Amino acid sequence: MQLQQLAYFVAVAETRHFTQAAERMRVAQPSLSKQVRALEAELGAPLFSRARGNVTLTPAGEALLPLARRMLADAETARSEVGELAGLRRGRVRLGATPSLCAGLLADVLATFHRAYPGIELFVEEGGSRDLVRTLARGQLDLALIIMPLHSDDPALVTEEILSENLVVASPSAGHTRRPYARIEELRRRPMVMFRRGYDLREATLSACRQAGFEPSFAVEGGEMDAVLRFVEAGLGVALVPSMVLDGRPGLTGTPLAPPGLRRTVAIAHRKDVEPTRAAQAFRATLLLFLTDAARDGELPEGLDLITEP
């Protein structure tokens, strides 16, 4: 079994099309098909059903897919780590982060890391926390900034809580009378702009409303962070968001919820069965030092508190 064969198999499984898989892998389609057939012969079972041009995974293919993804990710990690040990000043950090962190302090952390390690390539995947947990567990990320607690069937992650942040009710600034706080029950009478499924903020909002005894009314749903904030600015409704994302948005006002309010915890996570590369470890250290310095100097965004220190 060759890694290249596994890469071809994963490409076909994800595209469900041999020609598209060959284009992705930049190889001739007959060569890709030949390697997939060789893999099937070695395993002693068909991996794809090719009935009438429709390519679907067989039960054997379904069983192999997560294993193949993990083997390829581990091979890439091994190549990166060996390269670092060989003294090459290069490498890669694959980081997942929630939209609120990408829109907030993450850019400054990435800039600090790049200045210190200019030869390290940075790859950032933005997504909802639950999506990032699945991507991390598949071995497609080195580190991820996620929201606790975990909501995953895959417990093979190491998590370290680093930040606690306030959730506030975002509404248009125009015509808004600033108040010290709002009560969650007030959302019963206000249309809401809701995130797409897979966002932890969607589940946090629904949970808070249901605990207060009502189902929220959606004016629009299905957006990413930037879209949700723009919809709120346009007056379509209100949204429950982290306070940090309102920095630099004069068109929006954030009202804290009545004490004790609503907070969430941010953690940095990696797979338990794979030690982070040295580049990933350097990024973690840079992140924690940046947060510690910002907390000491009073420069963390409003509503954000540091939990851990390096």
C-alpha atoms as a PDB file:
ATOM      1  CA  MET A   1       0.000   0.000   0.000  1.00  0.00           C
ATOM      2  CA  GLN A   2       1.529   3.311  -1.108  1.00  0.00           C
ATOM      3  CA  LEU A   3       0.792   6.781   0.207  1.00  0.00           C
ATOM      4  CA  GLN A   4       0.233   8.000  -3.342  1.00  0.00           C
ATOM      5  CA  GLN A   5      -2.451   5.344  -3.819  1.00  0.00           C
ATOM      6  CA  LEU A   6      -4.156   6.515  -0.632  1.00  0.00           C
ATOM      7  CA  ALA A   7      -3.995  10.127  -1.832  1.00  0.00           C
ATOM      8  CA  TYR A   8      -5.640   9.130  -5.131  1.00  0.00           C
ATOM      9  CA  PHE A   9      -8.302   7.162  -3.240  1.00  0.00           C
ATOM     10  CA  VAL A  10      -9.103  10.139  -0.968  1.00  0.00           C
ATOM     11  CA  ALA A  11      -9.311  12.478  -3.976  1.00  0.00           C
ATOM     12  CA  VAL A  12     -11.835  10.206  -5.714  1.00  0.00           C
ATOM     13  CA  ALA A  13     -13.793   9.758  -2.469  1.00  0.00           C
ATOM     14  CA  GLU A  14     -14.060  13.522  -1.983  1.00  0.00           C
ATOM     15  CA  THR A  15     -14.876  14.449  -5.589  1.00  0.00           C
ATOM     16  CA  ARG A  16     -16.900  11.280  -6.404  1.00  0.00           C
ATOM     17  CA  HIS A  17     -15.411  11.605  -9.890  1.00  0.00           C
ATOM     18  CA  PHE A  18     -12.263  10.008 -11.314  1.00  0.00           C
ATOM     19  CA  THR A  19     -11.585  12.770 -13.848  1.00  0.00           C
ATOM     20  CA  GLN A  20     -11.976  15.555 -11.300  1.00  0.00           C
ATOM     21  CA  ALA A  21      -9.794  13.623  -8.855  1.00  0.00           C
ATOM     22  CA  ALA A  22      -7.089  13.287 -11.512  1.00  0.00           C
ATOM     23  CA  GLU A  23      -7.236  17.042 -12.173  1.00  0.00           C
ATOM     24  CA  ARG A  24      -6.901  17.756  -8.457  1.00  0.00           C
ATOM     25  CA  MET A  25      -3.895  15.429  -8.175  1.00  0.00           C
ATOM     26  CA  ARG A  26      -2.421  16.706 -11.467  1.00  0.00           C
ATOM     27  CA  VAL A  27      -2.085  13.238 -12.928  1.00  0.00           C
ATOM     28  CA  ALA A  28      -3.523  11.528 -16.010  1.00  0.00           C
ATOM     29  CA  GLN A  29      -6.887   9.925 -15.295  1.00  0.00           C
ATOM     30  CA  PRO A  30      -5.880   6.438 -16.567  1.00  0.00           C
ATOM     31  CA  SER A  31      -2.860   6.464 -14.250  1.00  0.00           C
ATOM     32  CA  LEU A  32      -5.016   7.433 -11.256  1.00  0.00           C
ATOM     33  CA  SER A  33      -7.578   4.734 -12.078  1.00  0.00           C
ATOM     34  CA  LYS A  34      -4.813   2.134 -12.399  1.00  0.00           C
ATOM     35  CA  GLN A  35      -3.414   2.998  -8.970  1.00  0.00           C
ATOM     36  CA  VAL A  36      -6.868   2.844  -7.358  1.00  0.00           C
ATOM     37  CA  ARG A  37      -7.446  -0.591  -8.904  1.00  0.00           C
ATOM     38  CA  ALA A  38      -4.063  -1.721  -7.606  1.00  0.00           C
ATOM     39  CA  LEU A  39      -5.031  -0.559  -4.121  1.00  0.00           C
ATOM     40  CA  GLU A  40      -8.319  -2.459  -4.355  1.00  0.00           C
ATOM     41  CA  ALA A  41      -6.471  -5.579  -5.469  1.00  0.00           C
ATOM     42  CA  GLU A  42      -4.043  -5.328  -2.557  1.00  0.00           C
ATOM     43  CA  LEU A  43      -6.851  -4.846  -0.040  1.00  0.00           C
ATOM     44  CA  GLY A  44      -8.953  -7.579  -1.622  1.00  0.00           C
ATOM     45  CA  ALA A  45     -12.130  -5.511  -1.807  1.00  0.00           C
ATOM     46  CA  PRO A  46     -13.662  -2.901  -4.128  1.00  0.00           C
ATOM     47  CA  LEU A  47     -13.528   0.620  -2.701  1.00  0.00           C
ATOM     48  CA  PHE A  48     -15.915   2.283  -5.156  1.00  0.00           C
ATOM     49  CA  SER A  49     -19.151   1.371  -6.859  1.00  0.00           C
ATOM     50  CA  ARG A  50     -19.002   2.621 -10.446  1.00  0.00           C
ATOM     51  CA  ALA A  51     -22.551   1.839 -11.578  1.00  0.00           C
ATOM     52  CA  ARG A  52     -23.661   3.918 -14.596  1.00  0.00           C
ATOM     53  CA  GLY A  53     -21.019   6.554 -14.104  1.00  0.00           C
ATOM     54  CA  ASN A  54     -21.992   7.261 -10.491  1.00  0.00           C
ATOM     55  CA  VAL A  55     -19.021   6.843  -8.156  1.00  0.00           C
ATOM     56  CA  THR A  56     -19.931   5.971  -4.586  1.00  0.00           C
ATOM     57  CA  LEU A  57     -17.996   4.433  -1.729  1.00  0.00           C
ATOM     58  CA  THR A  58     -18.523   0.775  -0.900  1.00  0.00           C
ATOM     59  CA  PRO A  59     -18.597  -0.283   2.774  1.00  0.00           C
ATOM     60  CA  ALA A  60     -14.876  -1.084   2.453  1.00  0.00           C
ATOM     61  CA  GLY A  61     -14.269   2.396   1.044  1.00  0.00           C
ATOM     62  CA  GLU A  62     -16.245   4.017   3.863  1.00  0.00           C
ATOM     63  CA  ALA A  63     -14.109   2.139   6.398  1.00  0.00           C
ATOM     64  CA  LEU A  64     -10.837   3.087   4.693  1.00  0.00           C
ATOM     65  CA  LEU A  65     -11.540   6.805   4.162  1.00  0.00           C
ATOM     66  CA  PRO A  66     -10.944   8.157   7.719  1.00  0.00           C
ATOM     67  CA  LEU A  67      -7.922   5.888   8.096  1.00  0.00           C
ATOM     68  CA  ALA A  68      -6.456   7.051   4.784  1.00  0.00           C
ATOM     69  CA  ARG A  69      -6.955  10.711   5.696  1.00  0.00           C
ATOM     70  CA  ARG A  70      -5.212  10.188   9.010  1.00  0.00           C
ATOM     71  CA  MET A  71      -2.316   8.245   7.449  1.00  0.00           C
ATOM     72  CA  LEU A  72      -1.741  10.998   4.881  1.00  0.00           C
ATOM     73  CA  ALA A  73      -1.889  13.688   7.560  1.00  0.00           C
ATOM     74  CA  ASP A  74       0.554  11.764   9.738  1.00  0.00           C
ATOM     75  CA  ALA A  75       2.934  11.313   6.804  1.00  0.00           C
ATOM     76  CA  GLU A  76       2.867  15.059   6.146  1.00  0.00           C
ATOM     77  CA  THR A  77       3.534  15.734   9.827  1.00  0.00           C
ATOM     78  CA  ALA A  78       6.479  13.320   9.756  1.00  0.00           C
ATOM     79  CA  ARG A  79       7.972  15.008   6.689  1.00  0.00           C
ATOM     80  CA  SER A  80       7.611  18.419   8.307  1.00  0.00           C
ATOM     81  CA  GLU A  81       9.121  17.310  11.613  1.00  0.00           C
ATOM     82  CA  VAL A  82      12.070  15.539   9.998  1.00  0.00           C
ATOM     83  CA  GLY A  83      12.708  18.606   7.859  1.00  0.00           C
ATOM     84  CA  GLU A  84      12.826  20.784  10.950  1.00  0.00           C
ATOM     85  CA  LEU A  85      15.183  18.382  12.722  1.00  0.00           C
ATOM     86  CA  ALA A  86      17.415  18.409   9.646  1.00  0.00           C
ATOM     87  CA  GLY A  87      17.927  22.106  10.216  1.00  0.00           C
ATOM     88  CA  LEU A  88      15.672  23.439   7.425  1.00  0.00           C
ATOM     89  CA  ARG A  89      14.243  26.838   8.304  1.00  0.00           C
ATOM     90  CA  ARG A  90      10.879  26.046   6.857  1.00  0.00           C
ATOM     91  CA  GLY A  91       7.697  24.288   7.846  1.00  0.00           C
ATOM     92  CA  ARG A  92       3.964  24.805   8.054  1.00  0.00           C
ATOM     93  CA  VAL A  93       1.318  25.471  10.669  1.00  0.00           C
ATOM     94  CA  ARG A  94      -2.254  24.498   9.801  1.00  0.00           C
ATOM     95  CA  LEU A  95      -4.470  26.455  12.182  1.00  0.00           C
ATOM     96  CA  GLY A  96      -8.230  26.387  12.591  1.00  0.00           C
ATOM     97  CA  ALA A  97     -10.027  29.306  14.237  1.00  0.00           C
ATOM     98  CA  THR A  98     -13.560  30.524  14.776  1.00  0.00           C
ATOM     99  CA  PRO A  99     -14.723  33.588  12.800  1.00  0.00           C
ATOM    100  CA  SER A 100     -14.835  35.766  15.916  1.00  0.00           C
ATOM    101  CA  LEU A 101     -11.140  35.117  16.570  1.00  0.00           C
ATOM    102  CA  CYS A 102     -10.235  35.601  12.910  1.00  0.00           C
ATOM    103  CA  ALA A 103     -12.075  38.925  12.923  1.00  0.00           C
ATOM    104  CA  GLY A 104     -10.514  39.917  16.251  1.00  0.00           C
ATOM    105  CA  LEU A 105      -7.030  39.400  17.618  1.00  0.00           C
ATOM    106  CA  LEU A 106      -5.763  36.530  15.431  1.00  0.00           C
ATOM    107  CA  ALA A 107      -4.335  38.776  12.691  1.00  0.00           C
ATOM    108  CA  ASP A 108      -1.959  40.434  15.174  1.00  0.00           C
ATOM    109  CA  VAL A 109      -0.870  37.024  16.527  1.00  0.00           C
ATOM    110  CA  LEU A 110      -0.161  35.750  13.009  1.00  0.00           C
ATOM    111  CA  ALA A 111       1.838  38.894  12.198  1.00  0.00           C
ATOM    112  CA  THR A 112       3.914  38.466  15.370  1.00  0.00           C
ATOM    113  CA  PHE A 113       4.599  34.811  14.538  1.00  0.00           C
ATOM    114  CA  HIS A 114       5.522  35.590  10.924  1.00  0.00           C
ATOM    115  CA  ARG A 115       8.062  38.195  12.006  1.00  0.00           C
ATOM    116  CA  ALA A 116       9.692  35.665  14.334  1.00  0.00           C
ATOM    117  CA  TYR A 117       9.509  32.703  11.918  1.00  0.00           C
ATOM    118  CA  PRO A 118       9.400  34.078   8.354  1.00  0.00           C
ATOM    119  CA  GLY A 119      10.161  30.669   6.838  1.00  0.00           C
ATOM    120  CA  ILE A 120       7.096  28.986   8.361  1.00  0.00           C
ATOM    121  CA  GLU A 121       4.086  28.832   6.059  1.00  0.00           C
ATOM    122  CA  LEU A 122       0.754  29.649   7.711  1.00  0.00           C
ATOM    123  CA  PHE A 123      -2.515  28.058   6.655  1.00  0.00           C
ATOM    124  CA  VAL A 124      -5.703  29.242   8.398  1.00  0.00           C
ATOM    125  CA  GLU A 125      -9.076  27.541   8.154  1.00  0.00           C
ATOM    126  CA  GLU A 126     -11.994  29.613   9.418  1.00  0.00           C
ATOM    127  CA  GLY A 127     -15.100  27.781  10.567  1.00  0.00           C
ATOM    128  CA  GLY A 128     -17.545  26.982  13.303  1.00  0.00           C
ATOM    129  CA  SER A 129     -16.101  25.245  16.341  1.00  0.00           C
ATOM    130  CA  ARG A 130     -17.847  21.930  15.692  1.00  0.00           C
ATOM    131  CA  ASP A 131     -16.607  21.868  12.096  1.00  0.00           C
ATOM    132  CA  LEU A 132     -13.058  22.605  13.269  1.00  0.00           C
ATOM    133  CA  VAL A 133     -13.152  19.783  15.831  1.00  0.00           C
ATOM    134  CA  ARG A 134     -14.030  17.297  13.076  1.00  0.00           C
ATOM    135  CA  THR A 135     -11.315  18.673  10.767  1.00  0.00           C
ATOM    136  CA  LEU A 136      -8.730  18.523  13.558  1.00  0.00           C
ATOM    137  CA  ALA A 137      -9.686  14.956  14.473  1.00  0.00           C
ATOM    138  CA  ARG A 138      -9.226  13.917  10.815  1.00  0.00           C
ATOM    139  CA  GLY A 139      -5.636  15.176  10.956  1.00  0.00           C
ATOM    140  CA  GLN A 140      -6.158  18.060   8.533  1.00  0.00           C
ATOM    141  CA  LEU A 141      -5.132  20.730  11.079  1.00  0.00           C
ATOM    142  CA  ASP A 142      -2.209  20.954  13.497  1.00  0.00           C
ATOM    143  CA  LEU A 143      -3.952  23.225  16.012  1.00  0.00           C
ATOM    144  CA  ALA A 144      -7.416  24.710  16.387  1.00  0.00           C
ATOM    145  CA  LEU A 145      -8.905  27.472  18.513  1.00  0.00           C
ATOM    146  CA  ILE A 146     -12.257  26.028  19.506  1.00  0.00           C
ATOM    147  CA  ILE A 147     -15.112  26.657  21.915  1.00  0.00           C
ATOM    148  CA  MET A 148     -15.537  24.511  25.002  1.00  0.00           C
ATOM    149  CA  PRO A 149     -17.039  22.168  25.928  1.00  0.00           C
ATOM    150  CA  LEU A 150     -16.421  19.714  23.099  1.00  0.00           C
ATOM    151  CA  HIS A 151     -19.485  18.401  21.273  1.00  0.00           C
ATOM    152  CA  SER A 152     -17.790  15.566  19.416  1.00  0.00           C
ATOM    153  CA  ASP A 153     -17.899  11.786  19.378  1.00  0.00           C
ATOM    154  CA  ASP A 154     -14.113  11.805  18.856  1.00  0.00           C
ATOM    155  CA  PRO A 155     -12.510  12.445  22.274  1.00  0.00           C
ATOM    156  CA  ALA A 156      -8.923  12.051  21.028  1.00  0.00           C
ATOM    157  CA  LEU A 157      -8.069  15.738  21.460  1.00  0.00           C
ATOM    158  CA  VAL A 158      -5.942  17.607  23.971  1.00  0.00           C
ATOM    159  CA  THR A 159      -7.511  20.945  24.906  1.00  0.00           C
ATOM    160  CA  GLU A 160      -6.125  23.871  26.883  1.00  0.00           C
ATOM    161  CA  GLU A 161      -8.502  26.644  27.949  1.00  0.00           C
ATOM    162  CA  ILE A 162      -6.929  30.037  27.249  1.00  0.00           C
ATOM    163  CA  LEU A 163      -9.625  32.735  27.038  1.00  0.00           C
ATOM    164  CA  SER A 164     -13.045  33.582  28.401  1.00  0.00           C
ATOM    165  CA  GLU A 165     -15.249  36.031  26.524  1.00  0.00           C
ATOM    166  CA  ASN A 166     -18.586  37.792  26.949  1.00  0.00           C
ATOM    167  CA  LEU A 167     -21.482  37.278  24.572  1.00  0.00           C
ATOM    168  CA  VAL A 168     -23.498  40.442  23.921  1.00  0.00           C
ATOM    169  CA  VAL A 169     -26.653  41.370  22.041  1.00  0.00           C
ATOM    170  CA  ALA A 170     -25.574  43.165  18.859  1.00  0.00           C
ATOM    171  CA  SER A 171     -28.000  45.739  17.450  1.00  0.00           C
ATOM    172  CA  PRO A 172     -27.741  48.760  15.094  1.00  0.00           C
ATOM    173  CA  SER A 173     -26.225  51.845  16.742  1.00  0.00           C
ATOM    174  CA  ALA A 174     -28.564  54.229  14.916  1.00  0.00           C
ATOM    175  CA  GLY A 175     -31.467  55.152  17.180  1.00  0.00           C
ATOM    176  CA  HIS A 176     -30.166  52.850  19.917  1.00  0.00           C
ATOM    177  CA  THR A 177     -30.353  53.966  23.523  1.00  0.00           C
ATOM    178  CA  ARG A 178     -27.365  52.507  25.340  1.00  0.00           C
ATOM    179  CA  ARG A 179     -28.334  50.425  28.367  1.00  0.00           C
ATOM    180  CA  PRO A 180     -26.129  48.726  30.968  1.00  0.00           C
ATOM    181  CA  TYR A 181     -27.571  45.320  30.103  1.00  0.00           C
ATOM    182  CA  ALA A 182     -30.435  43.436  28.457  1.00  0.00           C
ATOM    183  CA  ARG A 183     -32.373  40.411  29.628  1.00  0.00           C
ATOM    184  CA  ILE A 184     -32.445  37.255  27.554  1.00  0.00           C
ATOM    185  CA  GLU A 185     -36.268  37.282  27.756  1.00  0.00           C
ATOM    186  CA  GLU A 186     -36.304  40.470  25.646  1.00  0.00           C
ATOM    187  CA  LEU A 187     -35.174  38.438  22.643  1.00  0.00           C
ATOM    188  CA  ARG A 188     -38.589  36.771  22.652  1.00  0.00           C
ATOM    189  CA  ARG A 189     -40.038  39.941  21.084  1.00  0.00           C
ATOM    190  CA  ARG A 190     -37.180  40.732  18.688  1.00  0.00           C
ATOM    191  CA  PRO A 191     -36.379  39.094  15.352  1.00  0.00           C
ATOM    192  CA  MET A 192     -32.927  37.548  15.308  1.00  0.00           C
ATOM    193  CA  VAL A 193     -30.204  37.041  12.730  1.00  0.00           C
ATOM    194  CA  MET A 194     -28.985  33.475  13.165  1.00  0.00           C
ATOM    195  CA  PHE A 195     -25.743  31.741  12.228  1.00  0.00           C
ATOM    196  CA  ARG A 196     -25.656  28.676  10.014  1.00  0.00           C
ATOM    197  CA  ARG A 197     -25.738  25.186  11.478  1.00  0.00           C
ATOM    198  CA  GLY A 198     -22.346  24.078  12.787  1.00  0.00           C
ATOM    199  CA  TYR A 199     -21.642  27.378  14.575  1.00  0.00           C
ATOM    200  CA  ASP A 200     -21.383  27.063  18.333  1.00  0.00           C
ATOM    201  CA  LEU A 201     -22.950  30.555  18.606  1.00  0.00           C
ATOM    202  CA  ARG A 202     -26.121  29.194  17.046  1.00  0.00           C
ATOM    203  CA  GLU A 203     -26.334  26.460  19.687  1.00  0.00           C
ATOM    204  CA  ALA A 204     -25.444  28.890  22.488  1.00  0.00           C
ATOM    205  CA  THR A 205     -28.228  31.257  21.407  1.00  0.00           C
ATOM    206  CA  LEU A 206     -30.829  28.519  21.075  1.00  0.00           C
ATOM    207  CA  SER A 207     -29.852  27.028  24.439  1.00  0.00           C
ATOM    208  CA  ALA A 208     -30.073  30.383  26.257  1.00  0.00           C
ATOM    209  CA  CYS A 209     -33.466  31.175  24.758  1.00  0.00           C
ATOM    210  CA  ARG A 210     -34.872  27.722  25.513  1.00  0.00           C
ATOM    211  CA  GLN A 211     -33.675  27.897  29.100  1.00  0.00           C
ATOM    212  CA  ALA A 212     -35.627  31.171  29.312  1.00  0.00           C
ATOM    213  CA  GLY A 213     -38.726  29.323  28.059  1.00  0.00           C
ATOM    214  CA  PHE A 214     -39.101  30.393  24.425  1.00  0.00           C
ATOM    215  CA  GLU A 215     -37.996  29.673  20.869  1.00  0.00           C
ATOM    216  CA  PRO A 216     -36.362  32.647  19.108  1.00  0.00           C
ATOM    217  CA  SER A 217     -37.849  34.097  15.940  1.00  0.00           C
ATOM    218  CA  PHE A 218     -35.454  34.253  12.976  1.00  0.00           C
ATOM    219  CA  ALA A 219     -35.545  37.127  10.526  1.00  0.00           C
ATOM    220  CA  VAL A 220     -32.755  35.481   8.529  1.00  0.00           C
ATOM    221  CA  GLU A 221     -30.485  32.517   9.209  1.00  0.00           C
ATOM    222  CA  GLY A 222     -27.575  30.676   7.665  1.00  0.00           C
ATOM    223  CA  GLY A 223     -24.887  33.373   7.712  1.00  0.00           C
ATOM    224  CA  GLU A 224     -21.181  33.440   8.524  1.00  0.00           C
ATOM    225  CA  MET A 225     -19.901  35.966  11.085  1.00  0.00           C
ATOM    226  CA  ASP A 226     -19.326  38.896   8.711  1.00  0.00           C
ATOM    227  CA  ALA A 227     -22.679  38.373   7.007  1.00  0.00           C
ATOM    228  CA  VAL A 228     -24.521  38.190  10.342  1.00  0.00           C
ATOM    229  CA  LEU A 229     -22.980  41.463  11.507  1.00  0.00           C
ATOM    230  CA  ARG A 230     -23.855  43.173   8.224  1.00  0.00           C
ATOM    231  CA  PHE A 231     -27.442  41.910   8.436  1.00  0.00           C
ATOM    232  CA  VAL A 232     -27.715  43.330  11.960  1.00  0.00           C
ATOM    233  CA  GLU A 233     -26.299  46.665  10.765  1.00  0.00           C
ATOM    234  CA  ALA A 234     -28.971  46.688   8.054  1.00  0.00           C
ATOM    235  CA  GLY A 235     -31.672  46.407  10.716  1.00  0.00           C
ATOM    236  CA  LEU A 236     -32.852  42.882   9.933  1.00  0.00           C
ATOM    237  CA  GLY A 237     -32.619  41.805  13.570  1.00  0.00           C
ATOM    238  CA  VAL A 238     -30.303  41.348  16.525  1.00  0.00           C
ATOM    239  CA  ALA A 239     -27.695  38.661  17.155  1.00  0.00           C
ATOM    240  CA  LEU A 240     -25.846  37.165  20.099  1.00  0.00           C
ATOM    241  CA  VAL A 241     -22.113  37.561  19.363  1.00  0.00           C
ATOM    242  CA  PRO A 242     -18.745  37.757  21.173  1.00  0.00           C
ATOM    243  CA  SER A 243     -18.043  41.301  22.272  1.00  0.00           C
ATOM    244  CA  MET A 244     -14.654  41.383  20.512  1.00  0.00           C
ATOM    245  CA  VAL A 245     -16.157  41.268  17.006  1.00  0.00           C
ATOM    246  CA  LEU A 246     -17.785  44.674  17.516  1.00  0.00           C
ATOM    247  CA  ASP A 247     -14.432  46.461  17.764  1.00  0.00           C
ATOM    248  CA  GLY A 248     -14.112  48.804  14.775  1.00  0.00           C
ATOM    249  CA  ARG A 249     -17.812  48.559  13.898  1.00  0.00           C
ATOM    250  CA  PRO A 250     -19.362  51.904  14.878  1.00  0.00           C
ATOM    251  CA  GLY A 251     -22.615  50.874  13.218  1.00  0.00           C
ATOM    252  CA  LEU A 252     -23.202  48.231  15.885  1.00  0.00           C
ATOM    253  CA  THR A 253     -23.762  48.388  19.634  1.00  0.00           C
ATOM    254  CA  GLY A 254     -23.226  45.469  21.999  1.00  0.00           C
ATOM    255  CA  THR A 255     -25.399  45.191  25.102  1.00  0.00           C
ATOM    256  CA  PRO A 256     -24.286  42.695  27.788  1.00  0.00           C
ATOM    257  CA  LEU A 257     -26.864  40.291  29.130  1.00  0.00           C
ATOM    258  CA  ALA A 258     -28.097  40.759  32.675  1.00  0.00           C
ATOM    259  CA  PRO A 259     -25.775  39.358  35.336  1.00  0.00           C
ATOM    260  CA  PRO A 260     -24.378  36.763  35.463  1.00  0.00           C
ATOM    261  CA  GLY A 261     -24.458  37.233  31.685  1.00  0.00           C
ATOM    262  CA  LEU A 262     -23.395  34.674  29.140  1.00  0.00           C
ATOM    263  CA  ARG A 263     -19.770  33.747  28.565  1.00  0.00           C
ATOM    264  CA  ARG A 264     -17.912  31.151  26.555  1.00  0.00           C
ATOM    265  CA  THR A 265     -14.475  29.592  26.811  1.00  0.00           C
ATOM    266  CA  VAL A 266     -11.888  29.431  24.029  1.00  0.00           C
ATOM    267  CA  ALA A 267      -9.350  26.588  24.015  1.00  0.00           C
ATOM    268  CA  ILE A 268      -6.397  25.625  21.852  1.00  0.00           C
ATOM    269  CA  ALA A 269      -6.572  21.976  20.808  1.00  0.00           C
ATOM    270  CA  HIS A 270      -4.530  19.329  19.033  1.00  0.00           C
ATOM    271  CA  ARG A 271      -4.796  15.605  18.428  1.00  0.00           C
ATOM    272  CA  LYS A 272      -3.896  13.430  21.391  1.00  0.00           C
ATOM    273  CA  ASP A 273      -2.213  10.728  19.323  1.00  0.00           C
ATOM    274  CA  VAL A 274       0.132  13.064  17.402  1.00  0.00           C
ATOM    275  CA  GLU A 275       2.647  15.386  19.027  1.00  0.00           C
ATOM    276  CA  PRO A 276       2.404  18.877  17.465  1.00  0.00           C
ATOM    277  CA  THR A 277       5.258  19.757  15.135  1.00  0.00           C
ATOM    278  CA  ARG A 278       7.912  22.115  16.400  1.00  0.00           C
ATOM    279  CA  ALA A 279       6.419  24.831  14.202  1.00  0.00           C
ATOM    280  CA  ALA A 280       3.000  24.277  15.809  1.00  0.00           C
ATOM    281  CA  GLN A 281       4.548  24.331  19.276  1.00  0.00           C
ATOM    282  CA  ALA A 282       6.258  27.620  18.414  1.00  0.00           C
ATOM    283  CA  PHE A 283       2.918  29.068  17.310  1.00  0.00           C
ATOM    284  CA  ARG A 284       1.247  28.012  20.562  1.00  0.00           C
ATOM    285  CA  ALA A 285       4.028  29.681  22.570  1.00  0.00           C
ATOM    286  CA  THR A 286       3.756  32.845  20.469  1.00  0.00           C
ATOM    287  CA  LEU A 287      -0.023  32.955  20.931  1.00  0.00           C
ATOM    288  CA  LEU A 288       0.124  32.571  24.708  1.00  0.00           C
ATOM    289  CA  LEU A 289       2.912  35.131  25.075  1.00  0.00           C
ATOM    290  CA  PHE A 290       0.982  37.601  22.896  1.00  0.00           C
ATOM    291  CA  LEU A 291      -2.159  37.149  25.022  1.00  0.00           C
ATOM    292  CA  THR A 292      -0.209  37.476  28.266  1.00  0.00           C
ATOM    293  CA  ASP A 293       1.438  40.707  27.128  1.00  0.00           C
ATOM    294  CA  ALA A 294      -1.888  42.106  25.893  1.00  0.00           C
ATOM    295  CA  ALA A 295      -3.606  41.264  29.193  1.00  0.00           C
ATOM    296  CA  ARG A 296      -0.779  42.852  31.197  1.00  0.00           C
ATOM    297  CA  ASP A 297      -0.916  46.027  29.107  1.00  0.00           C
ATOM    298  CA  GLY A 298      -4.732  46.226  29.156  1.00  0.00           C
ATOM    299  CA  GLU A 299      -4.930  45.707  25.387  1.00  0.00           C
ATOM    300  CA  LEU A 300      -7.210  42.685  25.207  1.00  0.00           C
ATOM    301  CA  PRO A 301     -10.550  43.477  23.517  1.00  0.00           C
ATOM    302  CA  GLU A 302     -13.350  44.424  25.892  1.00  0.00           C
ATOM    303  CA  GLY A 303     -15.082  41.406  27.396  1.00  0.00           C
ATOM    304  CA  LEU A 304     -12.090  39.082  26.865  1.00  0.00           C
ATOM    305  CA  ASP A 305     -10.169  37.620  29.816  1.00  0.00           C
ATOM    306  CA  LEU A 306      -7.036  35.463  29.879  1.00  0.00           C
ATOM    307  CA  ILE A 307      -7.332  32.078  31.585  1.00  0.00           C
ATOM    308  CA  THR A 308      -3.853  30.606  31.176  1.00  0.00           C
ATOM    309  CA  GLU A 309      -0.301  31.846  30.876  1.00  0.00           C
ATOM    310  CA  PRO A 310       2.727  30.298  29.134  1.00  0.00           C
END
